[in-house]
PDB file of N, CA and C in Angstrom:
ATOM      1  N   MET A   1       0.841  -1.179   0.000  1.00  0.00           N
ATOM      2  CA  MET A   1       0.000   0.000   0.000  1.00  0.00           C
ATOM      3  C   MET A   1       0.890   1.247   0.000  1.00  0.00           C
ATOM      4  N   LYS A   2       0.645   2.140  -0.954  1.00  0.00           N
ATOM      5  CA  LYS A   2       1.441   3.362  -1.032  1.00  0.00           C
ATOM      6  C   LYS A   2       0.928   4.383  -0.031  1.00  0.00           C
ATOM      7  N   GLU A   3       1.881   5.042   0.565  1.00  0.00           N
ATOM      8  CA  GLU A   3       1.519   6.089   1.523  1.00  0.00           C
ATOM      9  C   GLU A   3       1.740   7.443   0.863  1.00  0.00           C
ATOM     10  N   ALA A   4       0.793   8.336   1.040  1.00  0.00           N
ATOM     11  CA  ALA A   4       0.882   9.667   0.429  1.00  0.00           C
ATOM     12  C   ALA A   4       2.047  10.437   1.038  1.00  0.00           C
ATOM     13  N   ASN A   5       2.593  11.354   0.249  1.00  0.00           N
ATOM     14  CA  ASN A   5       3.690  12.183   0.723  1.00  0.00           C
ATOM     15  C   ASN A   5       3.156  13.142   1.783  1.00  0.00           C
ATOM     16  N   LYS A   6       3.608  13.003   3.010  1.00  0.00           N
ATOM     17  CA  LYS A   6       3.078  13.777   4.142  1.00  0.00           C
ATOM     18  C   LYS A   6       3.982  14.946   4.499  1.00  0.00           C
ATOM     19  N   ARG A   7       4.690  15.502   3.509  1.00  0.00           N
ATOM     20  CA  ARG A   7       5.600  16.599   3.767  1.00  0.00           C
ATOM     21  C   ARG A   7       4.830  17.858   4.159  1.00  0.00           C
ATOM     22  N   ARG A   8       5.262  18.497   5.219  1.00  0.00           N
ATOM     23  CA  ARG A   8       4.613  19.705   5.701  1.00  0.00           C
ATOM     24  C   ARG A   8       5.060  20.888   4.854  1.00  0.00           C
ATOM     25  N   ILE A   9       4.113  21.680   4.385  1.00  0.00           N
ATOM     26  CA  ILE A   9       4.440  22.863   3.598  1.00  0.00           C
ATOM     27  C   ILE A   9       4.814  23.982   4.560  1.00  0.00           C
ATOM     28  N   ARG A  10       6.038  24.496   4.416  1.00  0.00           N
ATOM     29  CA  ARG A  10       6.511  25.539   5.321  1.00  0.00           C
ATOM     30  C   ARG A  10       6.118  26.906   4.784  1.00  0.00           C
ATOM     31  N   GLU A  11       5.631  27.748   5.700  1.00  0.00           N
ATOM     32  CA  GLU A  11       5.296  29.131   5.371  1.00  0.00           C
ATOM     33  C   GLU A  11       5.987  30.046   6.364  1.00  0.00           C
ATOM     34  N   LYS A  12       6.359  31.224   5.893  1.00  0.00           N
ATOM     35  CA  LYS A  12       6.998  32.218   6.758  1.00  0.00           C
ATOM     36  C   LYS A  12       6.399  33.579   6.463  1.00  0.00           C
ATOM     37  N   VAL A  13       6.392  34.441   7.480  1.00  0.00           N
ATOM     38  CA  VAL A  13       5.901  35.812   7.345  1.00  0.00           C
ATOM     39  C   VAL A  13       7.081  36.738   7.591  1.00  0.00           C
ATOM     40  N   GLY A  14       7.269  37.699   6.675  1.00  0.00           N
ATOM     41  CA  GLY A  14       8.384  38.614   6.810  1.00  0.00           C
ATOM     42  C   GLY A  14       8.127  39.916   6.080  1.00  0.00           C
ATOM     43  N   VAL A  15       9.153  40.746   6.029  1.00  0.00           N
ATOM     44  CA  VAL A  15       9.071  42.068   5.417  1.00  0.00           C
ATOM     45  C   VAL A  15       9.971  42.093   4.186  1.00  0.00           C
ATOM     46  N   VAL A  16       9.465  42.664   3.091  1.00  0.00           N
ATOM     47  CA  VAL A  16      10.238  42.774   1.858  1.00  0.00           C
ATOM     48  C   VAL A  16      11.336  43.820   2.054  1.00  0.00           C
ATOM     49  N   THR A  17      12.588  43.410   1.797  1.00  0.00           N
ATOM     50  CA  THR A  17      13.709  44.337   1.942  1.00  0.00           C
ATOM     51  C   THR A  17      14.257  44.790   0.598  1.00  0.00           C
ATOM     52  N   SER A  18      13.952  44.041  -0.480  1.00  0.00           N
ATOM     53  CA  SER A  18      14.425  44.426  -1.805  1.00  0.00           C
ATOM     54  C   SER A  18      13.470  43.892  -2.868  1.00  0.00           C
ATOM     55  N   ASP A  19      13.224  44.749  -3.885  1.00  0.00           N
ATOM     56  CA  ASP A  19      12.393  44.319  -5.023  1.00  0.00           C
ATOM     57  C   ASP A  19      13.052  44.744  -6.331  1.00  0.00           C
ATOM     58  N   LYS A  20      14.368  44.862  -6.342  1.00  0.00           N
ATOM     59  CA  LYS A  20      15.087  45.374  -7.502  1.00  0.00           C
ATOM     60  C   LYS A  20      15.227  44.349  -8.628  1.00  0.00           C
ATOM     61  N   MET A  21      15.100  43.073  -8.323  1.00  0.00           N
ATOM     62  CA  MET A  21      15.219  42.045  -9.350  1.00  0.00           C
ATOM     63  C   MET A  21      13.871  41.827 -10.040  1.00  0.00           C
ATOM     64  N   GLN A  22      13.909  41.287 -11.239  1.00  0.00           N
ATOM     65  CA  GLN A  22      12.675  41.000 -11.963  1.00  0.00           C
ATOM     66  C   GLN A  22      12.063  39.711 -11.428  1.00  0.00           C
ATOM     67  N   LYS A  23      10.798  39.781 -11.021  1.00  0.00           N
ATOM     68  CA  LYS A  23      10.020  38.640 -10.526  1.00  0.00           C
ATOM     69  C   LYS A  23      10.628  37.990  -9.285  1.00  0.00           C
ATOM     70  N   THR A  24      11.453  38.728  -8.545  1.00  0.00           N
ATOM     71  CA  THR A  24      12.072  38.207  -7.329  1.00  0.00           C
ATOM     72  C   THR A  24      12.066  39.277  -6.251  1.00  0.00           C
ATOM     73  N   ILE A  25      11.740  38.864  -5.016  1.00  0.00           N
ATOM     74  CA  ILE A  25      11.819  39.762  -3.864  1.00  0.00           C
ATOM     75  C   ILE A  25      12.709  39.115  -2.811  1.00  0.00           C
ATOM     76  N   VAL A  26      13.302  39.939  -1.963  1.00  0.00           N
ATOM     77  CA  VAL A  26      14.072  39.451  -0.825  1.00  0.00           C
ATOM     78  C   VAL A  26      13.255  39.741   0.426  1.00  0.00           C
ATOM     79  N   VAL A  27      12.980  38.692   1.187  1.00  0.00           N
ATOM     80  CA  VAL A  27      12.137  38.809   2.378  1.00  0.00           C
ATOM     81  C   VAL A  27      12.978  38.536   3.609  1.00  0.00           C
ATOM     82  N   SER A  28      12.910  39.434   4.588  1.00  0.00           N
ATOM     83  CA  SER A  28      13.620  39.282   5.847  1.00  0.00           C
ATOM     84  C   SER A  28      12.651  38.738   6.893  1.00  0.00           C
ATOM     85  N   VAL A  29      12.985  37.579   7.460  1.00  0.00           N
ATOM     86  CA  VAL A  29      12.140  36.922   8.451  1.00  0.00           C
ATOM     87  C   VAL A  29      12.870  36.954   9.784  1.00  0.00           C
ATOM     88  N   GLY A  30      12.209  37.476  10.815  1.00  0.00           N
ATOM     89  CA  GLY A  30      12.836  37.599  12.127  1.00  0.00           C
ATOM     90  C   GLY A  30      12.372  36.530  13.097  1.00  0.00           C
ATOM     91  N   ARG A  31      13.228  36.220  14.051  1.00  0.00           N
ATOM     92  CA  ARG A  31      12.866  35.297  15.120  1.00  0.00           C
ATOM     93  C   ARG A  31      13.543  35.766  16.400  1.00  0.00           C
ATOM     94  N   VAL A  32      13.013  35.348  17.523  1.00  0.00           N
ATOM     95  CA  VAL A  32      13.537  35.750  18.823  1.00  0.00           C
ATOM     96  C   VAL A  32      14.139  34.525  19.492  1.00  0.00           C
ATOM     97  N   THR A  33      15.405  34.632  19.916  1.00  0.00           N
ATOM     98  CA  THR A  33      16.075  33.539  20.615  1.00  0.00           C
ATOM     99  C   THR A  33      16.703  34.082  21.895  1.00  0.00           C
ATOM    100  N   GLN A  34      17.167  33.168  22.714  1.00  0.00           N
ATOM    101  CA  GLN A  34      17.815  33.564  23.957  1.00  0.00           C
ATOM    102  C   GLN A  34      19.281  33.161  23.894  1.00  0.00           C
ATOM    103  N   HIS A  35      20.161  34.059  24.306  1.00  0.00           N
ATOM    104  CA  HIS A  35      21.587  33.781  24.290  1.00  0.00           C
ATOM    105  C   HIS A  35      21.881  32.636  25.263  1.00  0.00           C
ATOM    106  N   PRO A  36      22.673  31.630  24.849  1.00  0.00           N
ATOM    107  CA  PRO A  36      22.884  30.462  25.708  1.00  0.00           C
ATOM    108  C   PRO A  36      23.638  30.749  27.004  1.00  0.00           C
ATOM    109  N   VAL A  37      24.497  31.752  27.025  1.00  0.00           N
ATOM    110  CA  VAL A  37      25.297  32.040  28.219  1.00  0.00           C
ATOM    111  C   VAL A  37      24.713  33.195  29.023  1.00  0.00           C
ATOM    112  N   PHE A  38      24.376  34.294  28.345  1.00  0.00           N
ATOM    113  CA  PHE A  38      23.959  35.504  29.044  1.00  0.00           C
ATOM    114  C   PHE A  38      22.447  35.623  29.227  1.00  0.00           C
ATOM    115  N   ASN A  39      21.680  34.697  28.639  1.00  0.00           N
ATOM    116  CA  ASN A  39      20.216  34.662  28.772  1.00  0.00           C
ATOM    117  C   ASN A  39      19.528  35.941  28.323  1.00  0.00           C
ATOM    118  N   LYS A  40      20.180  36.706  27.469  1.00  0.00           N
ATOM    119  CA  LYS A  40      19.568  37.916  26.940  1.00  0.00           C
ATOM    120  C   LYS A  40      18.774  37.562  25.681  1.00  0.00           C
ATOM    121  N   VAL A  41      17.640  38.209  25.497  1.00  0.00           N
ATOM    122  CA  VAL A  41      16.802  37.962  24.333  1.00  0.00           C
ATOM    123  C   VAL A  41      17.418  38.665  23.119  1.00  0.00           C
ATOM    124  N   ILE A  42      17.594  37.910  22.038  1.00  0.00           N
ATOM    125  CA  ILE A  42      18.247  38.416  20.835  1.00  0.00           C
ATOM    126  C   ILE A  42      17.296  38.250  19.654  1.00  0.00           C
ATOM    127  N   ARG A  43      17.258  39.257  18.773  1.00  0.00           N
ATOM    128  CA  ARG A  43      16.492  39.148  17.527  1.00  0.00           C
ATOM    129  C   ARG A  43      17.449  38.758  16.414  1.00  0.00           C
ATOM    130  N   LYS A  44      17.129  37.689  15.704  1.00  0.00           N
ATOM    131  CA  LYS A  44      17.935  37.245  14.575  1.00  0.00           C
ATOM    132  C   LYS A  44      17.082  37.299  13.312  1.00  0.00           C
ATOM    133  N   PHE A  45      17.721  37.556  12.177  1.00  0.00           N
ATOM    134  CA  PHE A  45      17.005  37.690  10.914  1.00  0.00           C
ATOM    135  C   PHE A  45      17.618  36.781   9.860  1.00  0.00           C
ATOM    136  N   SER A  46      16.757  36.200   9.045  1.00  0.00           N
ATOM    137  CA  SER A  46      17.177  35.412   7.897  1.00  0.00           C
ATOM    138  C   SER A  46      16.583  36.033   6.650  1.00  0.00           C
ATOM    139  N   LYS A  47      17.320  35.976   5.535  1.00  0.00           N
ATOM    140  CA  LYS A  47      16.833  36.546   4.278  1.00  0.00           C
ATOM    141  C   LYS A  47      16.551  35.424   3.285  1.00  0.00           C
ATOM    142  N   PHE A  48      15.387  35.495   2.651  1.00  0.00           N
ATOM    143  CA  PHE A  48      14.982  34.504   1.672  1.00  0.00           C
ATOM    144  C   PHE A  48      14.626  35.201   0.371  1.00  0.00           C
ATOM    145  N   LYS A  49      15.013  34.602  -0.757  1.00  0.00           N
ATOM    146  CA  LYS A  49      14.584  35.104  -2.057  1.00  0.00           C
ATOM    147  C   LYS A  49      13.318  34.356  -2.445  1.00  0.00           C
ATOM    148  N   ALA A  50      12.300  35.108  -2.864  1.00  0.00           N
ATOM    149  CA  ALA A  50      11.007  34.521  -3.198  1.00  0.00           C
ATOM    150  C   ALA A  50      10.567  34.973  -4.582  1.00  0.00           C
ATOM    151  N   HIS A  51       9.813  34.116  -5.246  1.00  0.00           N
ATOM    152  CA  HIS A  51       9.322  34.399  -6.600  1.00  0.00           C
ATOM    153  C   HIS A  51       8.049  35.240  -6.510  1.00  0.00           C
ATOM    154  N   ASP A  52       8.036  36.365  -7.203  1.00  0.00           N
ATOM    155  CA  ASP A  52       6.885  37.271  -7.258  1.00  0.00           C
ATOM    156  C   ASP A  52       6.527  37.448  -8.733  1.00  0.00           C
ATOM    157  N   GLU A  53       5.615  36.642  -9.238  1.00  0.00           N
ATOM    158  CA  GLU A  53       5.316  36.581 -10.671  1.00  0.00           C
ATOM    159  C   GLU A  53       4.860  37.916 -11.247  1.00  0.00           C
ATOM    160  N   LYS A  54       4.040  38.654 -10.506  1.00  0.00           N
ATOM    161  CA  LYS A  54       3.443  39.892 -11.037  1.00  0.00           C
ATOM    162  C   LYS A  54       4.172  41.160 -10.583  1.00  0.00           C
ATOM    163  N   ASN A  55       5.272  41.023  -9.867  1.00  0.00           N
ATOM    164  CA  ASN A  55       6.016  42.175  -9.340  1.00  0.00           C
ATOM    165  C   ASN A  55       5.118  43.115  -8.545  1.00  0.00           C
ATOM    166  N   GLU A  56       4.268  42.554  -7.679  1.00  0.00           N
ATOM    167  CA  GLU A  56       3.314  43.382  -6.942  1.00  0.00           C
ATOM    168  C   GLU A  56       3.793  43.773  -5.547  1.00  0.00           C
ATOM    169  N   ALA A  57       4.744  43.057  -4.964  1.00  0.00           N
ATOM    170  CA  ALA A  57       5.237  43.385  -3.625  1.00  0.00           C
ATOM    171  C   ALA A  57       6.307  44.468  -3.719  1.00  0.00           C
ATOM    172  N   LYS A  58       6.257  45.431  -2.809  1.00  0.00           N
ATOM    173  CA  LYS A  58       7.214  46.530  -2.762  1.00  0.00           C
ATOM    174  C   LYS A  58       7.958  46.516  -1.436  1.00  0.00           C
ATOM    175  N   VAL A  59       9.030  47.279  -1.349  1.00  0.00           N
ATOM    176  CA  VAL A  59       9.841  47.344  -0.131  1.00  0.00           C
ATOM    177  C   VAL A  59       8.989  47.838   1.029  1.00  0.00           C
ATOM    178  N   GLY A  60       9.043  47.132   2.154  1.00  0.00           N
ATOM    179  CA  GLY A  60       8.291  47.512   3.338  1.00  0.00           C
ATOM    180  C   GLY A  60       7.003  46.736   3.521  1.00  0.00           C
ATOM    181  N   ASP A  61       6.540  46.021   2.496  1.00  0.00           N
ATOM    182  CA  ASP A  61       5.316  45.236   2.606  1.00  0.00           C
ATOM    183  C   ASP A  61       5.548  44.022   3.499  1.00  0.00           C
ATOM    184  N   LYS A  62       4.520  43.659   4.274  1.00  0.00           N
ATOM    185  CA  LYS A  62       4.566  42.439   5.073  1.00  0.00           C
ATOM    186  C   LYS A  62       3.916  41.341   4.243  1.00  0.00           C
ATOM    187  N   VAL A  63       4.650  40.249   3.999  1.00  0.00           N
ATOM    188  CA  VAL A  63       4.189  39.219   3.078  1.00  0.00           C
ATOM    189  C   VAL A  63       4.287  37.827   3.701  1.00  0.00           C
ATOM    190  N   ARG A  64       3.548  36.885   3.098  1.00  0.00           N
ATOM    191  CA  ARG A  64       3.629  35.472   3.469  1.00  0.00           C
ATOM    192  C   ARG A  64       4.240  34.738   2.285  1.00  0.00           C
ATOM    193  N   ILE A  65       5.284  33.922   2.559  1.00  0.00           N
ATOM    194  CA  ILE A  65       5.924  33.142   1.513  1.00  0.00           C
ATOM    195  C   ILE A  65       5.797  31.662   1.849  1.00  0.00           C
ATOM    196  N   ARG A  66       5.818  30.825   0.799  1.00  0.00           N
ATOM    197  CA  ARG A  66       5.669  29.387   0.964  1.00  0.00           C
ATOM    198  C   ARG A  66       6.806  28.683   0.236  1.00  0.00           C
ATOM    199  N   GLU A  67       7.291  27.597   0.830  1.00  0.00           N
ATOM    200  CA  GLU A  67       8.378  26.834   0.231  1.00  0.00           C
ATOM    201  C   GLU A  67       7.873  26.109  -1.017  1.00  0.00           C
ATOM    202  N   THR A  68       8.713  26.048  -2.048  1.00  0.00           N
ATOM    203  CA  THR A  68       8.365  25.392  -3.294  1.00  0.00           C
ATOM    204  C   THR A  68       9.604  24.714  -3.866  1.00  0.00           C
ATOM    205  N   ARG A  69       9.467  24.145  -5.046  1.00  0.00           N
ATOM    206  CA  ARG A  69      10.617  23.505  -5.689  1.00  0.00           C
ATOM    207  C   ARG A  69      11.659  24.572  -6.027  1.00  0.00           C
ATOM    208  N   PRO A  70      12.918  24.198  -6.203  1.00  0.00           N
ATOM    209  CA  PRO A  70      13.936  25.197  -6.564  1.00  0.00           C
ATOM    210  C   PRO A  70      13.614  25.863  -7.901  1.00  0.00           C
ATOM    211  N   LEU A  71      13.579  27.190  -7.897  1.00  0.00           N
ATOM    212  CA  LEU A  71      13.287  27.952  -9.100  1.00  0.00           C
ATOM    213  C   LEU A  71      14.554  28.514  -9.725  1.00  0.00           C
ATOM    214  N   SER A  72      15.602  28.661  -8.936  1.00  0.00           N
ATOM    215  CA  SER A  72      16.908  29.085  -9.426  1.00  0.00           C
ATOM    216  C   SER A  72      17.941  28.612  -8.405  1.00  0.00           C
ATOM    217  N   ARG A  73      19.150  29.115  -8.519  1.00  0.00           N
ATOM    218  CA  ARG A  73      20.211  28.641  -7.634  1.00  0.00           C
ATOM    219  C   ARG A  73      19.887  28.861  -6.159  1.00  0.00           C
ATOM    220  N   ASP A  74      19.349  30.032  -5.823  1.00  0.00           N
ATOM    221  CA  ASP A  74      19.070  30.326  -4.412  1.00  0.00           C
ATOM    222  C   ASP A  74      17.646  30.826  -4.194  1.00  0.00           C
ATOM    223  N   LYS A  75      16.723  30.451  -5.059  1.00  0.00           N
ATOM    224  CA  LYS A  75      15.322  30.873  -4.897  1.00  0.00           C
ATOM    225  C   LYS A  75      14.434  29.637  -4.845  1.00  0.00           C
ATOM    226  N   CYS A  76      13.905  29.317  -3.662  1.00  0.00           N
ATOM    227  CA  CYS A  76      13.022  28.159  -3.518  1.00  0.00           C
ATOM    228  C   CYS A  76      11.802  28.511  -2.657  1.00  0.00           C
ATOM    229  N   TRP A  77      11.390  29.758  -2.707  1.00  0.00           N
ATOM    230  CA  TRP A  77      10.187  30.223  -2.022  1.00  0.00           C
ATOM    231  C   TRP A  77       9.360  31.008  -3.031  1.00  0.00           C
ATOM    232  N   ARG A  78       8.049  31.108  -2.794  1.00  0.00           N
ATOM    233  CA  ARG A  78       7.203  31.925  -3.657  1.00  0.00           C
ATOM    234  C   ARG A  78       6.244  32.741  -2.807  1.00  0.00           C
ATOM    235  N   LEU A  79       5.841  33.877  -3.343  1.00  0.00           N
ATOM    236  CA  LEU A  79       4.932  34.785  -2.655  1.00  0.00           C
ATOM    237  C   LEU A  79       3.536  34.191  -2.649  1.00  0.00           C
ATOM    238  N   VAL A  80       2.904  34.137  -1.467  1.00  0.00           N
ATOM    239  CA  VAL A  80       1.534  33.638  -1.351  1.00  0.00           C
ATOM    240  C   VAL A  80       0.565  34.815  -1.325  1.00  0.00           C
ATOM    241  N   GLU A  81       0.828  35.767  -0.413  1.00  0.00           N
ATOM    242  CA  GLU A  81      -0.057  36.929  -0.316  1.00  0.00           C
ATOM    243  C   GLU A  81       0.668  38.086   0.349  1.00  0.00           C
ATOM    244  N   ILE A  82       0.144  39.264   0.104  1.00  0.00           N
ATOM    245  CA  ILE A  82       0.640  40.477   0.768  1.00  0.00           C
ATOM    246  C   ILE A  82      -0.297  40.758   1.931  1.00  0.00           C
ATOM    247  N   LEU A  83       0.236  40.728   3.143  1.00  0.00           N
ATOM    248  CA  LEU A  83      -0.587  40.923   4.339  1.00  0.00           C
ATOM    249  C   LEU A  83      -0.846  42.391   4.617  1.00  0.00           C
ATOM    250  N   VAL A  84       0.211  43.215   4.618  1.00  0.00           N
ATOM    251  CA  VAL A  84       0.095  44.649   4.886  1.00  0.00           C
ATOM    252  C   VAL A  84       0.855  45.378   3.794  1.00  0.00           C
ATOM    253  N   LYS A  85       0.154  46.277   3.107  1.00  0.00           N
ATOM    254  CA  LYS A  85       0.761  47.042   2.026  1.00  0.00           C
ATOM    255  C   LYS A  85       1.381  48.305   2.618  1.00  0.00           C
ATOM    256  N   GLN A  86       2.636  48.608   2.228  1.00  0.00           N
ATOM    257  CA  GLN A  86       3.298  49.830   2.684  1.00  0.00           C
ATOM    258  C   GLN A  86       2.765  51.022   1.881  1.00  0.00           C
ATOM    259  N   LYS A  87       2.642  52.157   2.526  1.00  0.00           N
ATOM    260  CA  LYS A  87       2.089  53.346   1.860  1.00  0.00           C
ATOM    261  C   LYS A  87       3.024  53.915   0.837  1.00  0.00           C
TER     262      LYS A  87
END
């Protein structure tokens, strides 16, 4: 009996930091961790390149991205929706 692929689709929410490329945005996703020695709360950020087919996201927009198959050397995320539009 074949079992269906139960891979969890990963989604992240972040802020667009660059939209200078064609059909590609750079999204900065933040997380909060605690320093292992000093127990101070630290904010860390990761940057992901995401596919934006219609070039609709602009710098400062809060967006949701979803993991997908590799689209280029370092782009394996795509834009799902724009949550908050920057003025």
